[in-house]
Amino acid sequence: SSVVETMMAFQTVPAASVPCSFAAPTSLEGSQLSSGRASRSSSGLEHSLAPSSTTLGPLACLAFSGGCAAAHATSARRARRAAGTTASRPAGRGRLVAVLALSAENAETLAACLRTESDVLILRDLPEEGMRRMLDGVAAVDVEVGQTLFCQGDIGDAMYVVKRGELSVRKRLTADDEQDTYVASLGPGKVVGSLALLCDDPRTTTVEAVGNERAEFWKLSREHFMNVIASLGTDDGEDDTCGVALDNNIPLDGFDDAKSIFIVSDGTGTTCLNSVELALKQFNICYQGVHSYELKTFSHVRDTQEITEICRRARAEGALVVYTLMRPEVREVMQRQVKEKPGAGEQPLRAVDLWEPMLVQLEGLLNAKRTPEVSSQARRISEPFLKMVDAIDYTQRADDGAKPELWAEADLILLGLSRAGKTPLSLFLAQRGFKVANYPIVPGEDPPQELSDPSIQEKCIALLISPERLHNVRNERMKAFGRTESNYASLQNCTKEVNILKTFYARYGPRIPRVDVTDGGVEENADKVLKILKQRGLVEAGAFSPSVM
């Protein structure tokens, strides 16, 4: 493969004497909103090219300081999600050599590996355009013989495909084991670390380069993977099929005089948003704090009533509406709203149609009529695939107790203690098209009122875990943040929480089915859940082959 841009080589391998030691996070700065108060941010490819850093939100700093408790850990996680940050410590070892422009042969080989060897189901049905975008973010990593690619307990942030070399996969069965147990040997074409594409849970195995030559890998980061999945079917951002809901209620603390700009689209709104952001860069005064603004994105607007309500809000806030509406019925309603005279006390509606003037000129130039909708890659994407994308998006938004008002849309709601494996299990099931919410049971914290609704309880499955297993998992998590002692992870506290959990289930869900996740991996636990869903008539239970996560 040819290298188009050689990056600054950097070494993340720990000292040879402690090849699997855990370093404390290097940065505890709280997340900051970008200038302009934009409610969406664009993640460029550069994130996959540079060494990763760790940023924790303010509550995360509190949660992982001395004597961290379950309530603090859960609050921190929710705060990070709300702020759009994560507290994972990327733990990939090895030397990042370069970001690659893959040769046709290597691109074909890597695409085949991602489709056939990875346990991330969404990669198997990825359309060609989506796979091309996925391969655009691949980086090369090499690991010397005797060094580890990652260790059990590391927080994963990427999946790796073996290009060359031999790997030994080991696993420590219990926290008390002094030695790892051999699991497997892997060679070229095999995939390791699949689960890291879906969540930031600790690695379950240690992977070491062995043999006579250094191991070489293709690395696919979770950030790039999620960006590609979010963009699927958009064709320059305008998608008429695949919906990704956006949070349009970003608070404006300290920005009471902020000017609002509404981005309105019957697609994702990405093209419209990018155009507005580029235009705003022509006004340097906005980036110097003299004026502030807020971007609100209204995507996948398909109903005429939605247009009417958006315009009402725009008049009330004095907002500028910038829109790209391809469907004639919604575009015509918007055009009528623009021409409508303001009522008593209302401001005139300011609006800009980004597409219409150009499309009218193109019709005249080409002597042809436009199609009523944007032609999109989504037309070549199967319905099951789109369902999978939608389910993953929902599951991310409803993770860890966030937005219980969305639970009515869920196919399944997982309940369990902090670090009982709810998130990886949720995302694994989302790949099968299920919208999965999950809620962490925190001692002393009352659950949302939605959990008392019988229709919600019917969707719930309760996760059980032994105190010893919970203690081991939490200990690994704390080590990843440089913590060796924590009340949150202590066996005494874990035993207490497990007992509280039993009382909670007896009170809120005596009829809710239980799944013991103590000894099972993600695939095994998913199979248990699917069997319950089969009993409910929702799915045929399937078996999953074990993988190296």
Protein backbone atom coordinates (compact mmCIF):
# COMPACT_ATOMS: atom_id res chain seq x y z
CA SER A 1 0.00 0.00 0.00
CA SER A 2 1.16 3.53 -0.69
CA VAL A 3 1.53 6.10 2.07
CA VAL A 4 0.20 9.53 1.15
CA GLU A 5 0.91 11.31 4.38
CA THR A 6 3.48 10.22 6.94
CA MET A 7 2.34 11.25 10.38
CA MET A 8 4.38 12.08 13.42
CA ALA A 9 5.35 8.66 14.76
CA PHE A 10 4.54 8.25 18.39
CA GLN A 11 5.04 5.47 20.88
CA THR A 12 2.27 4.41 23.21
CA VAL A 13 4.04 1.29 24.45
CA PRO A 14 4.56 1.46 28.23
CA ALA A 15 7.94 0.82 29.78
CA ALA A 16 9.17 -2.70 29.02
CA SER A 17 9.11 -3.61 32.68
CA VAL A 18 5.36 -2.96 32.91
CA PRO A 19 3.93 -3.77 29.46
CA CYS A 20 0.33 -3.86 30.71
CA SER A 21 0.38 -1.07 33.27
CA PHE A 22 -2.35 1.52 33.34
CA ALA A 23 -1.57 5.21 33.14
CA ALA A 24 -3.75 7.85 34.71
CA PRO A 25 -5.58 10.22 32.38
CA THR A 26 -3.35 13.03 31.25
CA SER A 27 -6.04 15.68 31.06
CA LEU A 28 -8.92 16.51 33.36
CA GLU A 29 -10.12 19.60 31.59
CA GLY A 30 -13.85 20.01 31.32
CA SER A 31 -15.36 19.97 27.88
CA GLN A 32 -15.97 23.36 26.30
CA LEU A 33 -18.54 24.39 23.76
CA SER A 34 -17.15 25.54 20.47
CA SER A 35 -17.49 29.18 19.54
CA GLY A 36 -20.82 30.02 18.07
CA ARG A 37 -22.81 27.61 20.25
CA ALA A 38 -23.42 25.21 17.36
CA SER A 39 -25.69 22.35 18.34
CA ARG A 40 -23.89 19.95 16.02
CA SER A 41 -20.19 19.55 15.38
CA SER A 42 -18.36 18.13 12.40
CA SER A 43 -15.64 15.60 13.13
CA GLY A 44 -12.91 15.70 10.53
CA LEU A 45 -10.71 12.78 9.62
CA GLU A 46 -7.83 14.38 11.48
CA HIS A 47 -9.10 12.80 14.69
CA SER A 48 -7.97 9.44 13.39
CA LEU A 49 -4.58 10.77 12.35
CA ALA A 50 -3.26 12.26 15.54
CA PRO A 51 -2.39 10.81 18.96
CA SER A 52 -5.49 10.55 21.11
CA SER A 53 -5.87 12.51 24.32
CA THR A 54 -8.24 12.05 27.20
CA THR A 55 -10.74 14.68 28.24
CA LEU A 56 -13.13 14.29 31.11
CA GLY A 57 -16.15 16.43 31.87
CA PRO A 58 -16.33 18.15 35.26
CA LEU A 59 -18.50 15.44 36.79
CA ALA A 60 -16.16 12.78 35.47
CA CYS A 61 -13.35 14.39 37.43
CA LEU A 62 -15.52 14.15 40.53
CA ALA A 63 -16.56 10.59 39.80
CA PHE A 64 -13.07 9.22 39.50
CA SER A 65 -11.52 11.15 42.36
CA GLY A 66 -11.06 9.51 45.77
CA GLY A 67 -13.87 7.41 47.17
CA CYS A 68 -15.89 7.35 43.95
CA ALA A 69 -19.41 5.99 44.38
CA ALA A 70 -21.81 4.43 41.92
CA ALA A 71 -24.01 7.51 41.80
CA HIS A 72 -20.99 9.68 40.91
CA ALA A 73 -19.85 7.30 38.18
CA THR A 74 -23.28 7.18 36.60
CA SER A 75 -23.75 10.96 36.78
CA ALA A 76 -20.35 11.45 35.19
CA ARG A 77 -21.19 9.17 32.33
CA ARG A 78 -24.46 10.96 31.70
CA ALA A 79 -22.68 14.32 31.85
CA ARG A 80 -20.10 13.21 29.32
CA ARG A 81 -22.84 12.06 26.97
CA ALA A 82 -24.67 15.35 27.29
CA ALA A 83 -21.45 17.23 26.62
CA GLY A 84 -20.50 15.00 23.72
CA THR A 85 -17.34 13.72 25.40
CA THR A 86 -16.14 10.37 26.66
CA ALA A 87 -13.87 9.48 29.50
CA SER A 88 -12.24 6.51 27.85
CA ARG A 89 -8.49 6.25 27.86
CA PRO A 90 -7.45 5.03 24.41
CA ALA A 91 -5.14 2.16 25.14
CA GLY A 92 -3.96 0.92 21.77
CA ARG A 93 -0.30 0.10 21.88
CA GLY A 94 2.16 0.05 19.03
CA ARG A 95 3.47 2.72 16.71
CA LEU A 96 1.06 4.60 14.45
CA VAL A 97 2.99 4.73 11.21
CA ALA A 98 0.69 6.50 8.76
CA VAL A 99 -2.77 7.07 7.46
CA LEU A 100 -3.07 5.07 4.29
CA ALA A 101 -4.24 5.49 0.74
CA LEU A 102 -4.92 1.82 0.17
CA SER A 103 -4.00 0.15 -3.08
CA ALA A 104 -6.89 -1.47 -4.92
CA GLU A 105 -5.68 -4.91 -3.83
CA ASN A 106 -5.31 -3.97 -0.16
CA ALA A 107 -8.65 -2.14 -0.16
CA GLU A 108 -10.36 -5.24 -1.53
CA THR A 109 -8.63 -7.47 1.02
CA LEU A 110 -9.43 -5.21 3.95
CA ALA A 111 -13.06 -4.76 2.88
CA ALA A 112 -13.47 -8.54 2.68
CA CYS A 113 -12.00 -8.91 6.18
CA LEU A 114 -14.35 -6.30 7.63
CA ARG A 115 -17.36 -7.98 6.03
CA THR A 116 -16.52 -11.58 6.94
CA GLU A 117 -14.32 -11.57 10.04
CA SER A 118 -15.71 -8.75 12.17
CA ASP A 119 -18.46 -9.35 14.71
CA VAL A 120 -19.79 -5.85 14.02
CA LEU A 121 -22.78 -6.92 11.97
CA ILE A 122 -23.34 -3.54 10.36
CA LEU A 123 -20.05 -3.90 8.49
CA ARG A 124 -21.29 -7.03 6.73
CA ASP A 125 -24.02 -5.20 4.81
CA LEU A 126 -22.23 -1.88 4.43
CA PRO A 127 -22.90 -0.45 0.94
CA GLU A 128 -19.89 0.07 -1.31
CA GLU A 129 -19.86 3.83 -0.84
CA GLY A 130 -19.99 3.36 2.93
CA MET A 131 -17.12 0.88 2.81
CA ARG A 132 -15.08 3.29 0.72
CA ARG A 133 -15.59 6.00 3.35
CA MET A 134 -14.73 3.52 6.08
CA LEU A 135 -11.44 2.60 4.39
CA ASP A 136 -10.56 6.29 3.97
CA GLY A 137 -9.94 6.50 7.72
CA VAL A 138 -7.77 3.41 8.12
CA ALA A 139 -4.35 3.87 9.73
CA ALA A 140 -1.34 1.55 9.82
CA VAL A 141 0.00 0.30 13.13
CA ASP A 142 2.93 -2.03 13.81
CA VAL A 143 3.89 -3.87 16.99
CA GLU A 144 7.29 -5.42 17.67
CA VAL A 145 7.57 -9.07 18.67
CA GLY A 146 7.01 -9.41 22.41
CA GLN A 147 4.98 -6.22 22.70
CA THR A 148 1.22 -6.04 23.25
CA LEU A 149 -1.31 -4.46 20.92
CA PHE A 150 -3.64 -4.08 23.90
CA CYS A 151 -4.08 -5.67 27.31
CA GLN A 152 -7.11 -7.05 29.11
CA GLY A 153 -8.73 -4.18 30.97
CA ASP A 154 -7.54 -1.46 28.55
CA ILE A 155 -10.30 0.86 27.34
CA GLY A 156 -10.76 0.13 23.67
CA ASP A 157 -11.10 2.82 21.04
CA ALA A 158 -10.38 0.93 17.82
CA MET A 159 -10.62 -2.37 15.96
CA TYR A 160 -7.59 -3.92 14.27
CA VAL A 161 -7.21 -6.16 11.23
CA VAL A 162 -4.02 -8.22 11.07
CA LYS A 163 -2.09 -7.47 7.90
CA ARG A 164 1.10 -9.38 8.71
CA GLY A 165 2.56 -11.32 11.60
CA GLU A 166 1.34 -13.69 14.30
CA LEU A 167 -0.60 -12.89 17.45
CA SER A 168 -1.09 -14.69 20.73
CA VAL A 169 -4.42 -14.04 22.47
CA ARG A 170 -4.55 -14.55 26.23
CA LYS A 171 -7.14 -14.00 28.91
CA ARG A 172 -7.04 -13.72 32.69
CA LEU A 173 -10.04 -15.74 33.78
CA THR A 174 -10.28 -14.19 37.25
CA ALA A 175 -8.71 -11.18 38.90
CA ASP A 176 -6.80 -13.49 41.25
CA ASP A 177 -5.07 -15.38 38.44
CA GLU A 178 -1.35 -14.69 38.32
CA GLN A 179 -1.00 -15.88 34.73
CA ASP A 180 -3.10 -15.45 31.60
CA THR A 181 -4.76 -18.40 29.91
CA TYR A 182 -3.93 -18.98 26.25
CA VAL A 183 -7.01 -18.46 24.05
CA ALA A 184 -5.96 -18.48 20.40
CA SER A 185 -3.35 -17.69 17.77
CA LEU A 186 -4.29 -15.33 14.98
CA GLY A 187 -2.70 -14.45 11.67
CA PRO A 188 -3.26 -12.21 8.62
CA GLY A 189 -6.87 -11.39 7.81
CA LYS A 190 -8.15 -11.86 11.35
CA VAL A 191 -9.90 -9.12 13.32
CA VAL A 192 -9.31 -8.19 16.96
CA GLY A 193 -11.07 -5.68 19.19
CA SER A 194 -14.42 -5.55 17.37
CA LEU A 195 -16.43 -4.49 20.41
CA ALA A 196 -14.41 -1.27 20.71
CA LEU A 197 -16.18 0.08 17.61
CA LEU A 198 -19.43 0.12 19.57
CA CYS A 199 -18.47 1.20 23.09
CA ASP A 200 -15.57 2.12 25.38
CA ASP A 201 -15.70 -0.92 27.64
CA PRO A 202 -12.50 -2.64 28.81
CA ARG A 203 -10.81 -5.16 26.53
CA THR A 204 -11.53 -8.76 27.53
CA THR A 205 -8.25 -10.21 26.23
CA THR A 206 -4.56 -9.41 25.88
CA VAL A 207 -3.12 -9.52 22.35
CA GLU A 208 0.64 -9.85 21.88
CA ALA A 209 2.83 -10.01 18.79
CA VAL A 210 4.77 -13.29 18.63
CA GLY A 211 6.73 -15.21 16.00
CA ASN A 212 9.74 -14.01 14.02
CA GLU A 213 8.55 -10.71 12.58
CA ARG A 214 6.78 -7.64 13.83
CA ALA A 215 3.03 -7.56 13.43
CA GLU A 216 1.37 -5.02 11.16
CA PHE A 217 -2.26 -3.94 11.45
CA TRP A 218 -4.90 -1.84 9.80
CA LYS A 219 -6.57 0.25 12.50
CA LEU A 220 -10.18 1.46 12.34
CA SER A 221 -11.07 3.90 15.12
CA ARG A 222 -14.47 4.02 16.79
CA GLU A 223 -14.76 7.74 16.09
CA HIS A 224 -14.30 7.31 12.35
CA PHE A 225 -16.58 4.27 12.31
CA MET A 226 -19.40 6.17 14.04
CA ASN A 227 -18.94 9.19 11.75
CA VAL A 228 -19.31 7.00 8.66
CA ILE A 229 -22.35 5.19 10.04
CA ALA A 230 -23.98 8.55 10.85
CA SER A 231 -23.35 9.76 7.30
CA LEU A 232 -24.65 6.68 5.49
CA GLY A 233 -27.11 7.34 2.75
CA THR A 234 -26.62 11.10 2.82
CA ASP A 235 -24.80 11.77 -0.48
CA ASP A 236 -23.34 15.13 0.53
CA GLY A 237 -25.47 15.10 3.59
CA GLU A 238 -28.94 15.10 2.09
CA ASP A 239 -30.67 11.82 2.89
CA ASP A 240 -34.32 11.13 2.27
CA THR A 241 -34.50 7.79 3.98
CA CYS A 242 -32.15 7.29 6.89
CA GLY A 243 -33.15 9.27 9.95
CA VAL A 244 -30.77 10.44 12.64
CA ALA A 245 -32.49 12.42 15.37
CA LEU A 246 -30.70 15.49 16.66
CA ASP A 247 -31.04 17.26 19.95
CA ASN A 248 -32.36 20.74 19.22
CA ASN A 249 -32.58 21.82 22.84
CA ILE A 250 -29.02 22.85 23.58
CA PRO A 251 -29.07 25.30 26.52
CA LEU A 252 -27.73 28.79 26.08
CA ASP A 253 -26.32 29.47 29.54
CA GLY A 254 -24.78 32.91 29.51
CA PHE A 255 -25.96 33.59 25.96
CA ASP A 256 -29.37 35.12 26.46
CA ASP A 257 -28.82 37.50 23.53
CA ALA A 258 -27.69 34.77 21.13
CA LYS A 259 -29.03 34.99 17.60
CA SER A 260 -30.75 31.83 16.38
CA ILE A 261 -30.23 30.23 13.00
CA PHE A 262 -32.57 27.37 12.12
CA ILE A 263 -31.27 24.70 9.76
CA VAL A 264 -34.29 22.99 8.18
CA SER A 265 -34.08 20.00 5.84
CA ASP A 266 -36.07 17.00 4.74
CA GLY A 267 -32.71 15.14 4.78
CA THR A 268 -30.07 15.16 7.48
CA GLY A 269 -29.38 18.88 7.05
CA THR A 270 -25.62 18.31 6.84
CA THR A 271 -25.11 20.21 3.57
CA CYS A 272 -27.20 23.10 4.82
CA LEU A 273 -25.41 23.19 8.16
CA ASN A 274 -21.96 23.09 6.54
CA SER A 275 -22.90 25.92 4.19
CA VAL A 276 -24.08 28.09 7.07
CA GLU A 277 -20.96 27.38 9.10
CA LEU A 278 -18.76 28.34 6.15
CA ALA A 279 -20.73 31.54 5.69
CA LEU A 280 -20.37 32.39 9.38
CA LYS A 281 -16.60 32.22 9.06
CA GLN A 282 -16.82 35.34 6.92
CA PHE A 283 -17.90 37.21 10.05
CA ASN A 284 -14.90 37.13 12.34
CA ILE A 285 -16.74 39.26 14.87
CA CYS A 286 -18.83 36.19 15.75
CA TYR A 287 -15.74 34.30 16.75
CA GLN A 288 -14.43 37.07 18.99
CA GLY A 289 -17.26 36.92 21.49
CA VAL A 290 -18.85 40.22 20.46
CA HIS A 291 -21.87 38.46 19.09
CA SER A 292 -23.05 34.92 19.76
CA TYR A 293 -25.33 32.64 17.82
CA GLU A 294 -27.02 29.29 18.13
CA LEU A 295 -27.48 26.79 15.34
CA LYS A 296 -30.54 24.57 15.62
CA THR A 297 -30.89 21.69 13.20
CA PHE A 298 -34.33 20.34 12.25
CA SER A 299 -33.63 17.26 10.16
CA HIS A 300 -35.94 14.89 8.26
CA VAL A 301 -38.82 17.36 8.24
CA ARG A 302 -41.50 15.56 6.24
CA ASP A 303 -44.76 16.93 7.59
CA THR A 304 -46.32 20.27 6.70
CA GLN A 305 -47.33 20.81 10.33
CA GLU A 306 -43.66 20.59 11.29
CA ILE A 307 -42.88 23.42 8.87
CA THR A 308 -45.64 25.54 10.37
CA GLU A 309 -44.39 24.98 13.92
CA ILE A 310 -40.75 25.66 12.99
CA CYS A 311 -41.75 28.92 11.33
CA ARG A 312 -43.79 29.91 14.38
CA ARG A 313 -40.77 29.36 16.60
CA ALA A 314 -38.52 31.23 14.18
CA ARG A 315 -40.79 34.28 14.26
CA ALA A 316 -40.96 34.17 18.05
CA GLU A 317 -37.17 34.03 18.37
CA GLY A 318 -36.39 36.32 15.46
CA ALA A 319 -34.38 33.48 13.92
CA LEU A 320 -33.02 33.17 10.42
CA VAL A 321 -34.30 30.02 8.68
CA VAL A 322 -31.94 28.42 6.16
CA TYR A 323 -33.52 25.47 4.41
CA THR A 324 -32.96 22.73 1.84
CA LEU A 325 -36.34 21.14 1.14
CA MET A 326 -36.61 18.85 -1.88
CA ARG A 327 -40.13 17.56 -1.35
CA PRO A 328 -42.59 19.86 -3.16
CA GLU A 329 -45.29 19.71 -0.47
CA VAL A 330 -43.07 20.85 2.41
CA ARG A 331 -41.17 23.35 0.25
CA GLU A 332 -44.41 24.99 -0.85
CA VAL A 333 -45.58 25.33 2.75
CA MET A 334 -42.28 26.96 3.67
CA GLN A 335 -42.54 29.35 0.74
CA ARG A 336 -46.08 30.33 1.82
CA GLN A 337 -44.85 30.90 5.35
CA VAL A 338 -42.09 33.19 4.06
CA LYS A 339 -44.61 35.30 2.12
CA GLU A 340 -47.10 35.42 4.98
CA LYS A 341 -47.39 38.78 6.71
CA PRO A 342 -46.45 38.71 10.41
CA GLY A 343 -49.25 38.85 12.94
CA ALA A 344 -49.58 41.35 15.76
CA GLY A 345 -46.40 41.34 17.84
CA GLU A 346 -44.64 38.91 15.47
CA GLN A 347 -41.42 39.53 13.61
CA PRO A 348 -41.15 38.96 9.86
CA LEU A 349 -39.84 35.53 8.94
CA ARG A 350 -36.29 35.68 7.66
CA ALA A 351 -35.57 32.71 5.39
CA VAL A 352 -33.06 31.60 2.77
CA ASP A 353 -33.65 28.74 0.33
CA LEU A 354 -30.21 27.41 -0.52
CA TRP A 355 -31.28 25.15 -3.39
CA GLU A 356 -34.24 26.70 -5.21
CA PRO A 357 -32.47 29.55 -7.10
CA MET A 358 -29.79 27.19 -8.39
CA LEU A 359 -32.25 24.44 -9.31
CA VAL A 360 -34.43 26.90 -11.27
CA GLN A 361 -31.37 28.05 -13.26
CA LEU A 362 -30.27 24.45 -13.88
CA GLU A 363 -33.73 23.54 -15.17
CA GLY A 364 -33.47 26.35 -17.69
CA LEU A 365 -29.92 25.51 -18.67
CA LEU A 366 -30.50 21.77 -19.03
CA ASN A 367 -34.06 22.05 -20.33
CA ALA A 368 -35.05 19.35 -17.86
CA LYS A 369 -37.15 19.04 -14.76
CA ARG A 370 -35.67 18.13 -11.41
CA THR A 371 -36.63 14.97 -9.58
CA PRO A 372 -38.82 15.60 -6.54
CA GLU A 373 -36.25 14.18 -4.11
CA VAL A 374 -32.49 14.08 -3.73
CA SER A 375 -30.91 11.08 -5.38
CA SER A 376 -29.07 9.31 -2.63
CA GLN A 377 -26.91 6.37 -1.78
CA ALA A 378 -29.72 5.39 0.57
CA ARG A 379 -31.68 4.05 -2.41
CA ARG A 380 -29.11 1.26 -2.68
CA ILE A 381 -29.20 0.44 1.02
CA SER A 382 -31.43 -2.38 2.15
CA GLU A 383 -34.24 -1.84 4.62
CA PRO A 384 -32.67 -4.17 7.23
CA PHE A 385 -29.46 -2.15 7.02
CA LEU A 386 -31.29 1.14 7.52
CA LYS A 387 -33.15 -0.39 10.44
CA MET A 388 -29.81 -1.35 11.94
CA VAL A 389 -28.44 2.18 11.57
CA ASP A 390 -31.58 3.64 13.13
CA ALA A 391 -31.42 1.16 16.01
CA ILE A 392 -27.78 1.99 16.76
CA ASP A 393 -28.57 5.71 16.73
CA TYR A 394 -31.49 5.20 19.11
CA THR A 395 -29.47 2.96 21.42
CA GLN A 396 -26.70 5.54 21.72
CA ARG A 397 -29.19 8.26 22.58
CA ALA A 398 -30.97 6.09 25.16
CA ASP A 399 -27.81 4.75 26.79
CA ASP A 400 -27.23 4.75 30.55
CA GLY A 401 -30.62 6.13 31.55
CA ALA A 402 -30.54 9.09 29.17
CA LYS A 403 -33.87 10.39 27.87
CA PRO A 404 -36.39 8.02 29.50
CA GLU A 405 -39.03 9.84 27.48
CA LEU A 406 -37.74 7.81 24.53
CA TRP A 407 -38.44 4.48 26.22
CA ALA A 408 -41.85 4.21 24.57
CA GLU A 409 -40.00 3.73 21.25
CA ALA A 410 -37.74 0.99 22.61
CA ASP A 411 -38.01 -2.67 21.67
CA LEU A 412 -36.09 -3.59 24.79
CA ILE A 413 -34.92 -1.92 28.03
CA LEU A 414 -32.04 -3.42 30.01
CA LEU A 415 -31.82 -2.78 33.76
CA GLY A 416 -28.74 -3.40 35.87
CA LEU A 417 -26.01 -2.03 38.10
CA SER A 418 -23.24 0.25 36.91
CA ARG A 419 -20.59 -1.78 35.00
CA ALA A 420 -22.86 -4.81 34.64
CA GLY A 421 -22.39 -4.75 30.86
CA LYS A 422 -25.55 -2.92 29.81
CA THR A 423 -23.99 -0.69 27.14
CA PRO A 424 -22.01 -3.29 25.14
CA LEU A 425 -24.95 -5.67 25.31
CA SER A 426 -27.33 -2.91 24.16
CA LEU A 427 -25.16 -1.98 21.19
CA PHE A 428 -24.59 -5.60 20.25
CA LEU A 429 -28.35 -6.14 20.11
CA ALA A 430 -28.84 -2.86 18.24
CA GLN A 431 -26.85 -4.38 15.39
CA ARG A 432 -29.68 -6.84 14.98
CA GLY A 433 -32.13 -3.98 14.50
CA PHE A 434 -33.45 -3.67 18.06
CA LYS A 435 -33.87 -0.27 19.67
CA VAL A 436 -32.39 -0.89 23.10
CA ALA A 437 -32.48 1.51 26.04
CA ASN A 438 -30.72 0.79 29.31
CA TYR A 439 -30.97 2.17 32.81
CA PRO A 440 -28.38 1.91 35.64
CA ILE A 441 -29.78 1.03 39.06
CA VAL A 442 -28.07 3.40 41.51
CA PRO A 443 -28.63 2.95 45.26
CA GLY A 444 -30.47 5.92 46.72
CA GLU A 445 -31.63 7.20 43.35
CA ASP A 446 -35.30 6.93 42.44
CA PRO A 447 -35.88 5.62 38.91
CA PRO A 448 -37.75 7.71 36.34
CA GLN A 449 -41.53 7.61 36.62
CA GLU A 450 -41.65 5.91 33.22
CA LEU A 451 -40.42 2.70 34.85
CA SER A 452 -43.70 2.43 36.76
CA ASP A 453 -45.63 2.24 33.48
CA PRO A 454 -46.74 -1.39 32.84
CA SER A 455 -46.22 -0.93 29.09
CA ILE A 456 -42.60 0.04 29.79
CA GLN A 457 -42.05 -2.79 32.26
CA GLU A 458 -43.13 -5.27 29.59
CA LYS A 459 -40.07 -4.25 27.58
CA CYS A 460 -37.61 -4.65 30.45
CA ILE A 461 -35.05 -7.35 31.12
CA ALA A 462 -33.17 -7.33 34.43
CA LEU A 463 -29.46 -8.13 34.43
CA LEU A 464 -28.00 -10.04 37.39
CA ILE A 465 -24.32 -10.22 38.31
CA SER A 466 -22.41 -11.68 41.21
CA PRO A 467 -20.69 -9.32 43.67
CA GLU A 468 -17.31 -10.91 42.89
CA ARG A 469 -17.66 -10.41 39.15
CA LEU A 470 -18.90 -6.83 39.59
CA HIS A 471 -15.96 -6.16 41.90
CA ASN A 472 -13.49 -7.45 39.29
CA VAL A 473 -15.03 -5.44 36.43
CA ARG A 474 -15.11 -2.21 38.42
CA ASN A 475 -11.55 -2.75 39.60
CA GLU A 476 -10.39 -3.04 35.99
CA ARG A 477 -12.26 0.15 35.16
CA MET A 478 -10.68 2.03 38.04
CA LYS A 479 -7.20 0.81 37.07
CA ALA A 480 -7.76 2.25 33.61
CA PHE A 481 -8.04 5.65 35.29
CA GLY A 482 -5.04 5.13 37.55
CA ARG A 483 -7.14 4.28 40.61
CA THR A 484 -6.05 1.33 42.75
CA GLU A 485 -8.51 1.79 45.61
CA SER A 486 -12.13 2.82 45.36
CA ASN A 487 -15.19 2.32 47.51
CA TYR A 488 -17.19 2.15 44.28
CA ALA A 489 -15.27 -0.98 43.23
CA SER A 490 -14.80 -2.55 46.67
CA LEU A 491 -16.22 -6.04 47.21
CA GLN A 492 -18.14 -4.80 50.24
CA ASN A 493 -19.87 -2.06 48.23
CA CYS A 494 -20.53 -4.39 45.27
CA THR A 495 -22.15 -6.92 47.61
CA LYS A 496 -24.29 -4.17 49.09
CA GLU A 497 -25.41 -2.97 45.65
CA VAL A 498 -26.25 -6.49 44.47
CA ASN A 499 -28.51 -6.92 47.51
CA ILE A 500 -30.14 -3.56 46.86
CA LEU A 501 -30.64 -4.62 43.24
CA LYS A 502 -32.66 -7.66 44.31
CA THR A 503 -34.90 -5.43 46.41
CA PHE A 504 -35.29 -3.02 43.50
CA TYR A 505 -36.36 -5.79 41.13
CA ALA A 506 -38.83 -7.14 43.67
CA ARG A 507 -40.41 -3.70 43.97
CA TYR A 508 -40.45 -2.48 40.39
CA GLY A 509 -40.45 -5.60 38.31
CA PRO A 510 -41.29 -8.89 40.01
CA ARG A 511 -42.39 -10.26 36.63
CA ILE A 512 -39.49 -8.83 34.64
CA PRO A 513 -37.36 -11.70 33.24
CA ARG A 514 -33.83 -11.97 34.63
CA VAL A 515 -30.58 -12.71 32.80
CA ASP A 516 -27.45 -13.62 34.74
CA VAL A 517 -24.48 -12.00 33.00
CA THR A 518 -21.88 -13.09 35.56
CA ASP A 519 -20.05 -15.67 33.47
CA GLY A 520 -21.11 -14.87 29.92
CA GLY A 521 -19.49 -12.67 27.31
CA VAL A 522 -21.42 -10.18 25.21
CA GLU A 523 -22.38 -12.77 22.59
CA GLU A 524 -23.52 -15.34 25.14
CA ASN A 525 -25.56 -12.78 27.06
CA ALA A 526 -27.07 -11.49 23.82
CA ASP A 527 -28.14 -15.04 23.00
CA LYS A 528 -29.89 -15.29 26.38
CA VAL A 529 -31.73 -12.04 25.72
CA LEU A 530 -32.72 -13.13 22.22
CA LYS A 531 -34.24 -16.30 23.61
CA ILE A 532 -36.45 -14.15 25.83
CA LEU A 533 -37.38 -12.01 22.84
CA LYS A 534 -38.20 -15.19 20.95
CA GLN A 535 -40.62 -16.15 23.72
CA ARG A 536 -42.20 -12.72 23.26
CA GLY A 537 -42.55 -13.47 19.55
CA LEU A 538 -40.17 -10.74 18.45
CA VAL A 539 -37.28 -12.74 17.00
CA GLU A 540 -35.82 -16.13 16.36
CA ALA A 541 -32.97 -16.74 18.82
CA GLY A 542 -29.61 -17.09 17.15
CA ALA A 543 -26.26 -18.40 18.19
CA PHE A 544 -23.15 -16.24 18.13
CA SER A 545 -19.64 -17.49 17.58
CA PRO A 546 -17.08 -16.34 20.17
CA SER A 547 -14.73 -13.56 19.18
CA VAL A 548 -11.68 -11.72 20.42
CA MET A 549 -12.92 -8.46 21.90
